[in-house]
Amino acid sequence: MKSWQIVRLLAGTFILLSLALGVQGSPVFVSQWWLAFTAFVGVNLLQSALTGWCLMESLLRKFGVQSGC
């Protein structure tokens, strides 16, 4: 997998997991504060789209993950 694919996979996983932990109707509900993590991931995705820079992608490249389109 390329770095941009891993970033999207992780972002989607983090959002779904934090929603499961933060929505009261969920069987694995822990606290509504998990919704703040959902917002954090969303803000990072928005920032990445506007600036063209993503910290997670930069870290993945340093670990040797191939970048690409």
N, C-alpha and C. Protein backbone atom coordinates (compact mmCIF):
# COMPACT_ATOMS: atom_id res chain seq x y z
N MET A 1 0.84 -1.19 0.00
CA MET A 1 0.00 0.00 0.00
C MET A 1 0.88 1.24 0.00
N LYS A 2 0.40 2.25 -0.64
CA LYS A 2 1.10 3.54 -0.67
C LYS A 2 0.70 4.36 0.56
N SER A 3 1.50 5.38 0.86
CA SER A 3 1.28 6.17 2.07
C SER A 3 -0.10 6.83 2.10
N TRP A 4 -0.56 7.35 0.98
CA TRP A 4 -1.86 8.03 0.97
C TRP A 4 -2.99 7.04 1.22
N GLN A 5 -2.82 5.79 0.80
CA GLN A 5 -3.85 4.78 1.04
C GLN A 5 -3.90 4.41 2.53
N ILE A 6 -2.74 4.32 3.15
CA ILE A 6 -2.68 4.01 4.58
C ILE A 6 -3.29 5.14 5.40
N VAL A 7 -3.01 6.39 5.00
CA VAL A 7 -3.59 7.54 5.71
C VAL A 7 -5.11 7.49 5.65
N ARG A 8 -5.68 7.21 4.50
CA ARG A 8 -7.13 7.13 4.37
C ARG A 8 -7.70 5.96 5.16
N LEU A 9 -7.00 4.84 5.15
CA LEU A 9 -7.43 3.67 5.91
C LEU A 9 -7.44 3.97 7.40
N LEU A 10 -6.37 4.58 7.90
CA LEU A 10 -6.29 4.92 9.32
C LEU A 10 -7.33 5.97 9.71
N ALA A 11 -7.51 6.98 8.88
CA ALA A 11 -8.48 8.03 9.18
C ALA A 11 -9.89 7.44 9.28
N GLY A 12 -10.26 6.61 8.32
CA GLY A 12 -11.57 5.98 8.35
C GLY A 12 -11.75 5.08 9.55
N THR A 13 -10.72 4.32 9.88
CA THR A 13 -10.77 3.43 11.04
C THR A 13 -10.90 4.23 12.33
N PHE A 14 -10.11 5.30 12.47
CA PHE A 14 -10.17 6.14 13.66
C PHE A 14 -11.54 6.78 13.82
N ILE A 15 -12.12 7.25 12.73
CA ILE A 15 -13.43 7.89 12.80
C ILE A 15 -14.50 6.90 13.23
N LEU A 16 -14.52 5.74 12.59
CA LEU A 16 -15.53 4.72 12.94
C LEU A 16 -15.35 4.24 14.38
N LEU A 17 -14.12 4.03 14.80
CA LEU A 17 -13.87 3.57 16.17
C LEU A 17 -14.27 4.62 17.19
N SER A 18 -13.91 5.88 16.95
CA SER A 18 -14.26 6.92 17.91
C SER A 18 -15.76 7.19 17.94
N LEU A 19 -16.45 7.02 16.82
CA LEU A 19 -17.91 7.13 16.84
C LEU A 19 -18.53 5.99 17.64
N ALA A 20 -18.00 4.78 17.46
CA ALA A 20 -18.53 3.64 18.22
C ALA A 20 -18.33 3.84 19.72
N LEU A 21 -17.22 4.45 20.10
CA LEU A 21 -16.93 4.67 21.52
C LEU A 21 -17.61 5.91 22.08
N GLY A 22 -18.07 6.82 21.20
CA GLY A 22 -18.60 8.09 21.68
C GLY A 22 -20.09 8.30 21.55
N VAL A 23 -20.79 7.45 20.79
CA VAL A 23 -22.23 7.61 20.60
C VAL A 23 -22.96 6.75 21.63
N GLN A 24 -23.88 7.35 22.36
CA GLN A 24 -24.53 6.68 23.48
C GLN A 24 -25.28 5.41 23.09
N GLY A 25 -25.80 5.33 21.90
CA GLY A 25 -26.55 4.15 21.49
C GLY A 25 -25.67 2.96 21.12
N SER A 26 -24.37 3.17 21.07
CA SER A 26 -23.45 2.11 20.68
C SER A 26 -23.27 1.08 21.79
N PRO A 27 -23.15 -0.20 21.44
CA PRO A 27 -22.93 -1.22 22.47
C PRO A 27 -21.57 -1.13 23.14
N VAL A 28 -20.62 -0.41 22.55
CA VAL A 28 -19.29 -0.25 23.15
C VAL A 28 -19.05 1.18 23.63
N PHE A 29 -20.14 1.90 23.93
CA PHE A 29 -20.04 3.29 24.38
C PHE A 29 -19.16 3.40 25.62
N VAL A 30 -18.27 4.39 25.62
CA VAL A 30 -17.41 4.66 26.77
C VAL A 30 -17.68 6.06 27.30
N SER A 31 -17.53 7.07 26.42
CA SER A 31 -17.69 8.46 26.83
C SER A 31 -17.94 9.31 25.58
N GLN A 32 -18.71 10.37 25.78
CA GLN A 32 -18.95 11.29 24.65
C GLN A 32 -17.69 12.04 24.25
N TRP A 33 -16.69 12.04 25.10
CA TRP A 33 -15.43 12.72 24.78
C TRP A 33 -14.71 12.09 23.59
N TRP A 34 -15.06 10.86 23.25
CA TRP A 34 -14.48 10.23 22.06
C TRP A 34 -14.87 10.97 20.79
N LEU A 35 -15.97 11.71 20.83
CA LEU A 35 -16.39 12.49 19.66
C LEU A 35 -15.40 13.62 19.38
N ALA A 36 -14.67 14.06 20.39
CA ALA A 36 -13.63 15.07 20.17
C ALA A 36 -12.52 14.50 19.28
N PHE A 37 -12.23 13.22 19.43
CA PHE A 37 -11.23 12.58 18.58
C PHE A 37 -11.73 12.51 17.13
N THR A 38 -13.02 12.26 16.96
CA THR A 38 -13.61 12.28 15.61
C THR A 38 -13.41 13.66 14.98
N ALA A 39 -13.68 14.71 15.75
CA ALA A 39 -13.49 16.07 15.25
C ALA A 39 -12.03 16.34 14.93
N PHE A 40 -11.13 15.86 15.76
CA PHE A 40 -9.69 16.04 15.53
C PHE A 40 -9.26 15.42 14.20
N VAL A 41 -9.70 14.22 13.93
CA VAL A 41 -9.37 13.55 12.67
C VAL A 41 -9.96 14.33 11.50
N GLY A 42 -11.20 14.78 11.64
CA GLY A 42 -11.84 15.56 10.58
C GLY A 42 -11.11 16.85 10.28
N VAL A 43 -10.68 17.55 11.33
CA VAL A 43 -9.93 18.80 11.15
C VAL A 43 -8.60 18.53 10.45
N ASN A 44 -7.94 17.44 10.81
CA ASN A 44 -6.69 17.10 10.14
C ASN A 44 -6.89 16.76 8.68
N LEU A 45 -7.98 16.07 8.35
CA LEU A 45 -8.28 15.79 6.95
C LEU A 45 -8.56 17.07 6.17
N LEU A 46 -9.29 17.99 6.78
CA LEU A 46 -9.58 19.27 6.15
C LEU A 46 -8.30 20.07 5.94
N GLN A 47 -7.46 20.14 6.96
CA GLN A 47 -6.19 20.85 6.86
C GLN A 47 -5.32 20.25 5.76
N SER A 48 -5.29 18.93 5.68
CA SER A 48 -4.49 18.25 4.66
C SER A 48 -5.00 18.57 3.25
N ALA A 49 -6.30 18.62 3.10
CA ALA A 49 -6.88 18.93 1.78
C ALA A 49 -6.56 20.36 1.36
N LEU A 50 -6.54 21.28 2.32
CA LEU A 50 -6.32 22.69 1.99
C LEU A 50 -4.84 23.03 1.79
N THR A 51 -3.96 22.37 2.55
CA THR A 51 -2.54 22.72 2.48
C THR A 51 -1.71 21.76 1.64
N GLY A 52 -2.23 20.54 1.44
CA GLY A 52 -1.46 19.55 0.69
C GLY A 52 -0.40 18.86 1.54
N TRP A 53 -0.39 19.08 2.85
CA TRP A 53 0.58 18.46 3.74
C TRP A 53 -0.13 17.66 4.82
N CYS A 54 0.36 16.47 5.08
CA CYS A 54 -0.24 15.61 6.09
C CYS A 54 0.88 15.02 6.96
N LEU A 55 0.80 15.25 8.26
CA LEU A 55 1.82 14.77 9.18
C LEU A 55 1.93 13.25 9.14
N MET A 56 0.80 12.56 9.14
CA MET A 56 0.82 11.09 9.12
C MET A 56 1.51 10.57 7.87
N GLU A 57 1.25 11.17 6.75
CA GLU A 57 1.89 10.73 5.51
C GLU A 57 3.39 10.97 5.57
N SER A 58 3.80 12.10 6.14
CA SER A 58 5.23 12.38 6.30
C SER A 58 5.89 11.34 7.20
N LEU A 59 5.23 10.98 8.29
CA LEU A 59 5.77 9.96 9.19
C LEU A 59 5.88 8.60 8.51
N LEU A 60 4.86 8.25 7.74
CA LEU A 60 4.88 6.97 7.04
C LEU A 60 6.03 6.91 6.04
N ARG A 61 6.28 8.01 5.36
CA ARG A 61 7.39 8.04 4.39
C ARG A 61 8.73 7.87 5.10
N LYS A 62 8.86 8.46 6.31
CA LYS A 62 10.11 8.31 7.07
C LYS A 62 10.31 6.86 7.50
N PHE A 63 9.21 6.11 7.67
CA PHE A 63 9.30 4.70 8.03
C PHE A 63 9.50 3.82 6.79
N GLY A 64 9.62 4.45 5.62
CA GLY A 64 9.93 3.70 4.41
C GLY A 64 8.73 3.28 3.57
N VAL A 65 7.54 3.77 3.92
CA VAL A 65 6.37 3.45 3.12
C VAL A 65 6.44 4.25 1.82
N GLN A 66 6.15 3.61 0.72
CA GLN A 66 6.24 4.25 -0.59
C GLN A 66 5.13 5.28 -0.77
N SER A 67 5.52 6.47 -1.25
CA SER A 67 4.50 7.47 -1.58
C SER A 67 4.10 7.27 -3.04
N GLY A 68 3.08 7.96 -3.46
CA GLY A 68 2.66 7.84 -4.84
C GLY A 68 1.22 8.24 -5.03
N CYS A 69 0.83 8.30 -6.29
CA CYS A 69 -0.53 8.74 -6.62
C CYS A 69 -1.51 7.61 -6.69
